[in-house]
């Protein structure tokens, strides 16, 4: 499908673009090439192909949940500037 010069100018106006005559000619060729490629894609029979979001099969990689020793509250709060029991104490920001 060949796109016409006035169609490129119309698209440019809709996009609020000012194009020179050289740019109009270049975009006419490029847009015509894109439309020709789309026409080729429309010729392909895809009735038996399932829609996909990815070309390759994606699998999540999960590790087994294992119980491990974690940090104590005392270690976690050792560098806290201010604390209240086993919690960080922060300045009040809402009255």
Protein backbone atom coordinates (compact mmCIF):
# COMPACT_ATOMS: atom_id res chain seq x y z
CA UNK A 1 0.00 0.00 0.00
CA UNK A 2 1.47 3.28 -1.08
CA UNK A 3 0.85 6.28 1.16
CA UNK A 4 0.28 9.61 -0.56
CA UNK A 5 2.11 12.86 0.10
CA UNK A 6 -1.06 14.61 1.32
CA UNK A 7 -1.64 11.76 3.82
CA UNK A 8 1.84 12.29 5.30
CA UNK A 9 1.13 16.02 5.58
CA UNK A 10 -2.22 15.28 7.26
CA UNK A 11 -0.58 12.90 9.77
CA UNK A 12 2.08 15.53 10.50
CA UNK A 13 -0.61 18.15 11.11
CA UNK A 14 -2.46 15.81 13.48
CA UNK A 15 0.83 15.27 15.33
CA UNK A 16 1.52 19.00 15.38
CA UNK A 17 4.74 18.51 13.39
CA UNK A 18 6.17 20.83 10.78
CA UNK A 19 7.90 18.82 8.07
CA UNK A 20 10.08 20.03 5.24
CA UNK A 21 9.45 18.74 1.70
CA UNK A 22 12.47 16.45 2.10
CA UNK A 23 11.06 15.00 5.35
CA UNK A 24 7.62 14.49 3.77
CA UNK A 25 9.24 12.50 0.94
CA UNK A 26 11.35 10.45 3.36
CA UNK A 27 8.39 9.68 5.63
CA UNK A 28 6.23 8.83 2.62
CA UNK A 29 8.74 6.13 1.63
CA UNK A 30 9.17 4.88 5.21
CA UNK A 31 5.45 4.76 6.03
CA UNK A 32 4.69 3.04 2.72
CA UNK A 33 7.31 0.40 3.60
CA UNK A 34 5.73 -0.16 7.01
CA UNK A 35 2.27 -0.57 5.49
CA UNK A 36 3.62 -3.01 2.86
CA UNK A 37 5.19 -5.08 5.65
CA UNK A 38 1.89 -5.14 7.55
CA UNK A 39 0.14 -6.33 4.40
CA UNK A 40 2.63 -9.22 4.17
CA UNK A 41 1.91 -10.10 7.81
CA UNK A 42 -1.83 -10.10 7.06
CA UNK A 43 -1.26 -12.83 4.43
CA UNK A 44 -0.02 -15.30 7.07
CA UNK A 45 -2.49 -17.94 8.25
CA UNK A 46 -2.59 -17.74 12.05
CA UNK A 47 -5.89 -19.50 12.76
CA UNK A 48 -4.25 -22.47 14.53
CA UNK A 49 -1.73 -20.40 16.51
CA UNK A 50 -2.51 -19.62 20.13
CA UNK A 51 -2.09 -16.02 21.22
CA UNK A 52 1.00 -15.47 23.35
CA UNK A 53 2.47 -12.67 25.37
CA UNK A 54 6.03 -13.99 24.96
CA UNK A 55 7.82 -15.78 22.18
CA UNK A 56 9.67 -18.06 24.58
CA UNK A 57 8.20 -20.22 27.31
CA UNK A 58 8.71 -18.50 30.65
CA UNK A 59 9.01 -20.42 33.88
CA UNK A 60 9.31 -19.00 37.36
CA UNK A 61 12.28 -20.24 39.29
CA UNK A 62 11.36 -20.92 42.87
CA UNK A 63 13.56 -22.17 45.65
CA UNK A 64 12.36 -24.45 48.38
CA UNK A 65 11.28 -22.70 51.56
CA UNK A 66 13.73 -23.61 54.25
CA UNK A 67 13.63 -22.57 57.87
CA UNK A 68 16.79 -20.64 58.67
CA UNK A 69 18.01 -18.81 61.72
CA UNK A 70 17.29 -15.10 61.45
CA UNK A 71 18.71 -12.00 63.09
CA UNK A 72 17.67 -11.33 66.65
CA UNK A 73 15.69 -8.22 67.50
CA UNK A 74 18.64 -6.96 69.53
CA UNK A 75 20.98 -7.27 66.53
CA UNK A 76 18.45 -5.64 64.18
CA UNK A 77 17.98 -2.67 66.52
CA UNK A 78 21.62 -2.33 67.57
CA UNK A 79 22.23 0.73 65.35
CA UNK A 80 18.81 2.36 65.85
CA UNK A 81 19.18 5.97 67.03
CA UNK A 82 16.03 5.67 69.14
CA UNK A 83 13.98 2.65 70.08
CA UNK A 84 11.07 1.63 72.22
CA UNK A 85 11.28 -2.01 73.28
CA UNK A 86 11.72 -4.11 70.14
CA UNK A 87 10.63 -1.31 67.77
CA UNK A 88 12.23 1.63 65.98
CA UNK A 89 11.09 4.94 67.42
CA UNK A 90 10.58 7.73 64.87
CA UNK A 91 9.56 11.37 65.25
CA UNK A 92 5.84 12.08 65.22
CA UNK A 93 4.73 13.62 61.92
CA UNK A 94 0.94 13.75 62.35
CA UNK A 95 -0.71 15.71 65.13
